[in-house]
C-alpha atoms as a PDB file:
ATOM      1  CA  MET A   1     -88.312-104.052 -24.090  1.00  0.00           C
ATOM      2  CA  GLY A   2     -88.492-100.406 -23.160  1.00  0.00           C
ATOM      3  CA  ASP A   3     -85.822-100.474 -20.425  1.00  0.00           C
ATOM      4  CA  VAL A   4     -82.899-101.971 -22.393  1.00  0.00           C
ATOM      5  CA  ILE A   5     -79.432-100.452 -22.618  1.00  0.00           C
ATOM      6  CA  TYR A   6     -77.030-101.403 -25.415  1.00  0.00           C
ATOM      7  CA  LEU A   7     -73.364-101.971 -24.641  1.00  0.00           C
ATOM      8  CA  GLU A   8     -70.566-101.688 -27.140  1.00  0.00           C
ATOM      9  CA  ASN A   9     -68.641-104.882 -27.846  1.00  0.00           C
ATOM     10  CA  ASP A  10     -65.470-104.532 -25.747  1.00  0.00           C
ATOM     11  CA  ASP A  11     -63.899-107.850 -26.733  1.00  0.00           C
ATOM     12  CA  ASP A  12     -60.229-108.399 -25.909  1.00  0.00           C
ATOM     13  CA  ASP A  13     -58.828-110.941 -28.396  1.00  0.00           C
ATOM     14  CA  CYS A  14     -55.787-111.627 -26.208  1.00  0.00           C
ATOM     15  CA  SER A  15     -57.853-112.633 -23.189  1.00  0.00           C
ATOM     16  CA  ASP A  16     -58.510-116.266 -22.362  1.00  0.00           C
ATOM     17  CA  GLY A  17     -61.701-115.263 -20.489  1.00  0.00           C
ATOM     18  CA  PRO A  18     -65.286-115.604 -21.676  1.00  0.00           C
ATOM     19  CA  LYS A  19     -66.207-114.140 -25.075  1.00  0.00           C
ATOM     20  CA  PRO A  20     -69.381-112.179 -25.907  1.00  0.00           C
ATOM     21  CA  LYS A  21     -72.004-114.229 -27.761  1.00  0.00           C
ATOM     22  CA  ALA A  22     -73.076-111.312 -29.959  1.00  0.00           C
ATOM     23  CA  ASP A  23     -71.614-108.142 -31.462  1.00  0.00           C
ATOM     24  CA  MET A  24     -74.201-106.030 -29.637  1.00  0.00           C
ATOM     25  CA  MET A  25     -75.256-106.919 -26.093  1.00  0.00           C
ATOM     26  CA  THR A  26     -78.157-105.764 -23.940  1.00  0.00           C
ATOM     27  CA  ILE A  27     -78.798-105.539 -20.240  1.00  0.00           C
ATOM     28  CA  SER A  28     -82.075-104.661 -18.566  1.00  0.00           C
ATOM     29  CA  GLY A  29     -82.383-101.993 -15.885  1.00  0.00           C
ATOM     30  CA  SER A  30     -83.083-104.595 -13.192  1.00  0.00           C
ATOM     31  CA  ASP A  31     -80.020-106.601 -14.305  1.00  0.00           C
ATOM     32  CA  ALA A  32     -77.874-103.445 -14.109  1.00  0.00           C
ATOM     33  CA  LEU A  33     -79.137-102.842 -10.555  1.00  0.00           C
ATOM     34  CA  ALA A  34     -78.393-106.460  -9.588  1.00  0.00           C
ATOM     35  CA  LEU A  35     -74.885-106.143 -11.015  1.00  0.00           C
ATOM     36  CA  SER A  36     -74.407-102.863  -9.147  1.00  0.00           C
ATOM     37  CA  GLU A  37     -75.469-104.476  -5.840  1.00  0.00           C
ATOM     38  CA  PHE A  38     -73.042-107.348  -6.446  1.00  0.00           C
ATOM     39  CA  VAL A  39     -70.157-104.991  -7.247  1.00  0.00           C
ATOM     40  CA  ARG A  40     -70.939-102.959  -4.107  1.00  0.00           C
ATOM     41  CA  HIS A  41     -70.858-106.163  -2.030  1.00  0.00           C
ATOM     42  CA  VAL A  42     -67.529-107.237  -3.561  1.00  0.00           C
ATOM     43  CA  ASN A  43     -66.140-103.705  -3.118  1.00  0.00           C
ATOM     44  CA  ILE A  44     -66.948-103.695   0.589  1.00  0.00           C
ATOM     45  CA  ARG A  45     -66.634-107.338   1.667  1.00  0.00           C
ATOM     46  CA  CYS A  46     -64.177-109.162  -0.642  1.00  0.00           C
ATOM     47  CA  TYR A  47     -60.410-109.185  -0.256  1.00  0.00           C
ATOM     48  CA  ASP A  48     -57.747-111.354  -1.873  1.00  0.00           C
ATOM     49  CA  GLU A  49     -54.437-110.363  -0.231  1.00  0.00           C
ATOM     50  CA  ARG A  50     -53.031-110.061   3.280  1.00  0.00           C
ATOM     51  CA  PHE A  51     -52.274-106.603   4.709  1.00  0.00           C
ATOM     52  CA  LYS A  52     -49.053-106.715   6.778  1.00  0.00           C
ATOM     53  CA  ASP A  53     -49.849-110.346   7.768  1.00  0.00           C
ATOM     54  CA  ARG A  54     -52.732-109.083   9.890  1.00  0.00           C
ATOM     55  CA  GLY A  55     -55.734-107.955   7.896  1.00  0.00           C
ATOM     56  CA  MET A  56     -57.023-108.283   4.368  1.00  0.00           C
ATOM     57  CA  MET A  57     -56.834-105.944   1.366  1.00  0.00           C
ATOM     58  CA  LYS A  58     -57.653-105.890  -2.339  1.00  0.00           C
ATOM     59  CA  SER A  59     -54.879-106.699  -4.808  1.00  0.00           C
ATOM     60  CA  PRO A  60     -54.187-104.281  -7.673  1.00  0.00           C
ATOM     61  CA  ALA A  61     -55.709-106.848 -10.076  1.00  0.00           C
ATOM     62  CA  LEU A  62     -58.972-107.060  -8.124  1.00  0.00           C
ATOM     63  CA  ARG A  63     -59.102-103.264  -7.747  1.00  0.00           C
ATOM     64  CA  SER A  64     -58.555-102.931 -11.535  1.00  0.00           C
ATOM     65  CA  HIS A  65     -61.413-105.334 -12.308  1.00  0.00           C
ATOM     66  CA  LEU A  66     -63.731-103.536  -9.900  1.00  0.00           C
ATOM     67  CA  ASP A  67     -62.816-100.165 -11.416  1.00  0.00           C
ATOM     68  CA  ARG A  68     -63.574-101.468 -14.935  1.00  0.00           C
ATOM     69  CA  VAL A  69     -66.966-102.851 -13.940  1.00  0.00           C
ATOM     70  CA  GLN A  70     -67.757 -99.625 -12.075  1.00  0.00           C
ATOM     71  CA  GLN A  71     -66.933 -97.606 -15.211  1.00  0.00           C
ATOM     72  CA  ILE A  72     -69.413 -99.737 -17.163  1.00  0.00           C
ATOM     73  CA  LEU A  73     -72.036 -99.342 -14.451  1.00  0.00           C
ATOM     74  CA  ASP A  74     -71.497 -95.578 -14.399  1.00  0.00           C
ATOM     75  CA  THR A  75     -72.657 -95.497 -18.029  1.00  0.00           C
ATOM     76  CA  LEU A  76     -75.757 -97.535 -17.166  1.00  0.00           C
ATOM     77  CA  LEU A  77     -76.989 -96.164 -13.842  1.00  0.00           C
ATOM     78  CA  ASP A  78     -77.646 -92.735 -12.381  1.00  0.00           C
ATOM     79  CA  TYR A  79     -76.313 -93.167  -8.851  1.00  0.00           C
ATOM     80  CA  PRO A  80     -77.635 -91.142  -5.921  1.00  0.00           C
ATOM     81  CA  ARG A  81     -75.050 -89.326  -3.815  1.00  0.00           C
ATOM     82  CA  ILE A  82     -73.866 -91.654  -1.072  1.00  0.00           C
ATOM     83  CA  GLU A  83     -72.579 -90.131   2.132  1.00  0.00           C
ATOM     84  CA  PRO A  84     -69.134 -91.521   2.988  1.00  0.00           C
ATOM     85  CA  PHE A  85     -68.816 -94.074   5.764  1.00  0.00           C
ATOM     86  CA  TYR A  86     -66.095 -96.294   7.174  1.00  0.00           C
ATOM     87  CA  TYR A  87     -66.183-100.076   6.984  1.00  0.00           C
ATOM     88  CA  TRP A  88     -63.848-102.951   7.829  1.00  0.00           C
ATOM     89  CA  PRO A  89     -63.212-106.553   6.753  1.00  0.00           C
ATOM     90  CA  PRO A  90     -63.326-109.374   9.301  1.00  0.00           C
ATOM     91  CA  PRO A  91     -60.776-108.747  12.070  1.00  0.00           C
ATOM     92  CA  SER A  92     -57.698-110.901  12.665  1.00  0.00           C
ATOM     93  CA  GLU A  93     -56.394-112.072  16.010  1.00  0.00           C
ATOM     94  CA  MET A  94     -53.024-110.575  16.961  1.00  0.00           C
ATOM     95  CA  PRO A  95     -50.275-112.047  19.094  1.00  0.00           C
ATOM     96  CA  ALA A  96     -49.329-109.742  21.965  1.00  0.00           C
ATOM     97  CA  ASP A  97     -45.787-109.304  20.636  1.00  0.00           C
ATOM     98  CA  GLN A  98     -47.143-107.541  17.507  1.00  0.00           C
ATOM     99  CA  VAL A  99     -49.424-105.101  19.345  1.00  0.00           C
ATOM    100  CA  GLU A 100     -48.567-101.387  19.606  1.00  0.00           C
ATOM    101  CA  PRO A 101     -46.571-100.766  22.837  1.00  0.00           C
ATOM    102  CA  GLU A 102     -49.030 -98.065  23.976  1.00  0.00           C
ATOM    103  CA  LEU A 103     -51.922-100.554  23.804  1.00  0.00           C
ATOM    104  CA  ILE A 104     -49.871-103.132  25.726  1.00  0.00           C
ATOM    105  CA  SER A 105     -49.199-100.495  28.421  1.00  0.00           C
ATOM    106  CA  ALA A 106     -52.898 -99.577  28.611  1.00  0.00           C
ATOM    107  CA  VAL A 107     -53.929-103.191  29.279  1.00  0.00           C
ATOM    108  CA  ALA A 108     -50.924-104.211  31.418  1.00  0.00           C
ATOM    109  CA  ASP A 109     -53.022-104.518  34.601  1.00  0.00           C
ATOM    110  CA  ARG A 110     -55.632-106.762  32.908  1.00  0.00           C
ATOM    111  CA  MET A 111     -55.337-110.563  33.194  1.00  0.00           C
ATOM    112  CA  GLU A 112     -57.348-112.086  30.332  1.00  0.00           C
ATOM    113  CA  VAL A 113     -57.099-109.773  27.320  1.00  0.00           C
ATOM    114  CA  HIS A 114     -57.145-110.823  23.666  1.00  0.00           C
ATOM    115  CA  PHE A 115     -56.036-108.641  20.768  1.00  0.00           C
ATOM    116  CA  HIS A 116     -57.448-108.094  17.279  1.00  0.00           C
ATOM    117  CA  CYS A 117     -56.568-105.849  14.353  1.00  0.00           C
ATOM    118  CA  VAL A 118     -58.516-104.684  11.338  1.00  0.00           C
ATOM    119  CA  GLY A 119     -58.069-102.375   8.354  1.00  0.00           C
ATOM    120  CA  ILE A 120     -60.394 -99.379   7.986  1.00  0.00           C
ATOM    121  CA  TYR A 121     -61.774 -98.392   4.564  1.00  0.00           C
ATOM    122  CA  LEU A 122     -63.703 -95.395   3.297  1.00  0.00           C
ATOM    123  CA  ALA A 123     -66.844 -96.144   1.278  1.00  0.00           C
ATOM    124  CA  PRO A 124     -68.130 -95.832  -1.323  1.00  0.00           C
ATOM    125  CA  ASP A 125     -64.659 -95.837  -2.960  1.00  0.00           C
ATOM    126  CA  GLY A 126     -63.080 -98.647  -0.925  1.00  0.00           C
ATOM    127  CA  ILE A 127     -59.996 -96.601  -0.044  1.00  0.00           C
ATOM    128  CA  HIS A 128     -57.812 -97.966   2.785  1.00  0.00           C
ATOM    129  CA  VAL A 129     -57.481 -95.128   5.327  1.00  0.00           C
ATOM    130  CA  GLY A 130     -56.070 -96.797   8.405  1.00  0.00           C
ATOM    131  CA  SER A 131     -56.159 -99.573  10.954  1.00  0.00           C
ATOM    132  CA  LEU A 132     -57.432-100.356  14.402  1.00  0.00           C
ATOM    133  CA  GLU A 133     -55.881-102.509  17.116  1.00  0.00           C
ATOM    134  CA  VAL A 134     -58.239-103.490  19.900  1.00  0.00           C
ATOM    135  CA  ALA A 135     -57.789-105.318  23.208  1.00  0.00           C
ATOM    136  CA  ILE A 136     -60.881-107.000  24.633  1.00  0.00           C
ATOM    137  CA  ASP A 137     -61.298-107.712  28.342  1.00  0.00           C
ATOM    138  CA  ASP A 138     -64.260-110.115  28.328  1.00  0.00           C
ATOM    139  CA  GLU A 139     -64.379-110.393  32.128  1.00  0.00           C
ATOM    140  CA  ALA A 140     -64.748-106.616  32.624  1.00  0.00           C
ATOM    141  CA  GLY A 141     -66.818-106.145  29.444  1.00  0.00           C
ATOM    142  CA  GLU A 142     -64.456-103.416  28.260  1.00  0.00           C
ATOM    143  CA  ALA A 143     -62.333-102.748  25.220  1.00  0.00           C
ATOM    144  CA  CYS A 144     -59.307-100.550  24.592  1.00  0.00           C
ATOM    145  CA  ALA A 145     -58.178 -99.526  21.114  1.00  0.00           C
ATOM    146  CA  ILE A 146     -55.659 -97.523  19.159  1.00  0.00           C
ATOM    147  CA  VAL A 147     -56.802 -96.109  15.823  1.00  0.00           C
ATOM    148  CA  SER A 148     -54.353 -95.069  13.100  1.00  0.00           C
ATOM    149  CA  VAL A 149     -55.983 -93.058  10.297  1.00  0.00           C
ATOM    150  CA  ARG A 150     -54.350 -90.887   7.609  1.00  0.00           C
ATOM    151  CA  GLY A 151     -50.989 -90.869   9.370  1.00  0.00           C
ATOM    152  CA  MET A 152     -52.408 -89.930  12.776  1.00  0.00           C
ATOM    153  CA  THR A 153     -52.600 -92.325  15.720  1.00  0.00           C
ATOM    154  CA  SER A 154     -54.949 -91.975  18.665  1.00  0.00           C
ATOM    155  CA  ALA A 155     -54.152 -92.566  22.286  1.00  0.00           C
ATOM    156  CA  ALA A 156     -55.261 -95.871  23.784  1.00  0.00           C
ATOM    157  CA  THR A 157     -58.936 -95.356  24.638  1.00  0.00           C
ATOM    158  CA  TRP A 158     -61.200 -97.517  26.834  1.00  0.00           C
ATOM    159  CA  THR A 159     -64.929 -98.016  26.354  1.00  0.00           C
ATOM    160  CA  LYS A 160     -67.642-100.540  27.179  1.00  0.00           C
ATOM    161  CA  ALA A 161     -67.401-103.503  24.788  1.00  0.00           C
ATOM    162  CA  GLY A 162     -70.238-104.212  22.382  1.00  0.00           C
ATOM    163  CA  ALA A 163     -72.246-107.439  22.229  1.00  0.00           C
ATOM    164  CA  SER A 164     -69.874-108.801  19.563  1.00  0.00           C
ATOM    165  CA  LEU A 165     -66.362-108.104  18.315  1.00  0.00           C
ATOM    166  CA  ASP A 166     -67.804-106.469  15.199  1.00  0.00           C
ATOM    167  CA  GLU A 167     -69.996-104.175  17.323  1.00  0.00           C
ATOM    168  CA  THR A 168     -67.024-103.266  19.526  1.00  0.00           C
ATOM    169  CA  ILE A 169     -64.923-102.373  16.465  1.00  0.00           C
ATOM    170  CA  GLY A 170     -67.877-100.313  15.211  1.00  0.00           C
ATOM    171  CA  ILE A 171     -67.878 -98.239  18.406  1.00  0.00           C
ATOM    172  CA  PHE A 172     -64.303 -97.121  17.736  1.00  0.00           C
ATOM    173  CA  VAL A 173     -64.577 -96.794  13.947  1.00  0.00           C
ATOM    174  CA  ASN A 174     -67.810 -94.775  14.159  1.00  0.00           C
ATOM    175  CA  ALA A 175     -66.022 -92.305  16.455  1.00  0.00           C
ATOM    176  CA  ILE A 176     -63.504 -91.386  13.716  1.00  0.00           C
ATOM    177  CA  SER A 177     -64.025 -87.976  12.146  1.00  0.00           C
ATOM    178  CA  PHE A 178     -64.453 -87.728   8.362  1.00  0.00           C
ATOM    179  CA  LYS A 179     -62.552 -84.428   8.352  1.00  0.00           C
ATOM    180  CA  GLU A 180     -58.828 -84.938   7.825  1.00  0.00           C
ATOM    181  CA  GLU A 181     -57.988 -82.147  10.217  1.00  0.00           C
ATOM    182  CA  GLY A 182     -60.262 -83.740  12.849  1.00  0.00           C
ATOM    183  CA  GLY A 183     -57.726 -86.489  13.526  1.00  0.00           C
ATOM    184  CA  ALA A 184     -58.261 -90.081  14.447  1.00  0.00           C
ATOM    185  CA  GLU A 185     -58.917 -89.691  18.152  1.00  0.00           C
ATOM    186  CA  PRO A 186     -61.852 -91.940  19.115  1.00  0.00           C
ATOM    187  CA  SER A 187     -64.426 -90.212  21.263  1.00  0.00           C
ATOM    188  CA  ALA A 188     -66.057 -93.429  22.516  1.00  0.00           C
END
């Protein structure tokens, strides 16, 4: 077993969770990579609380568990530098009475429009940086959105809708600058 890493016993006697079977534990390199992939998936795609009754977010307890596992993984793996990117959980439908007034004004002349909202997160750290409200006009194949990131809110901006709701959200989110001074104005 040439690729084995030894972990210190970090047993918490007060916990009612699972207990280690041995004083010294081992994990192989491939197991550490599998655990890292799972933690990355949970970090990006798993949420356990509602955000303002619209979207989803991670509770402090889940964030604490993820941070602890990431600390362990940091001792096991040499991570490559990952360029930051934005991601979002599944969007939620929004009733028109909860939509930003500027977005309502931008779609006032449209007949069949449905609204969605979603939180925006910065990877690889999973930091909530803002939200997006989008109105979809399926008949015209267009979408209008307002993006709020780091305390800045964009103007309502129209673009051609994507093939799916997720692709349409991606058009707006991918137009957000990573520079804080660049603002949140979508360029789509």
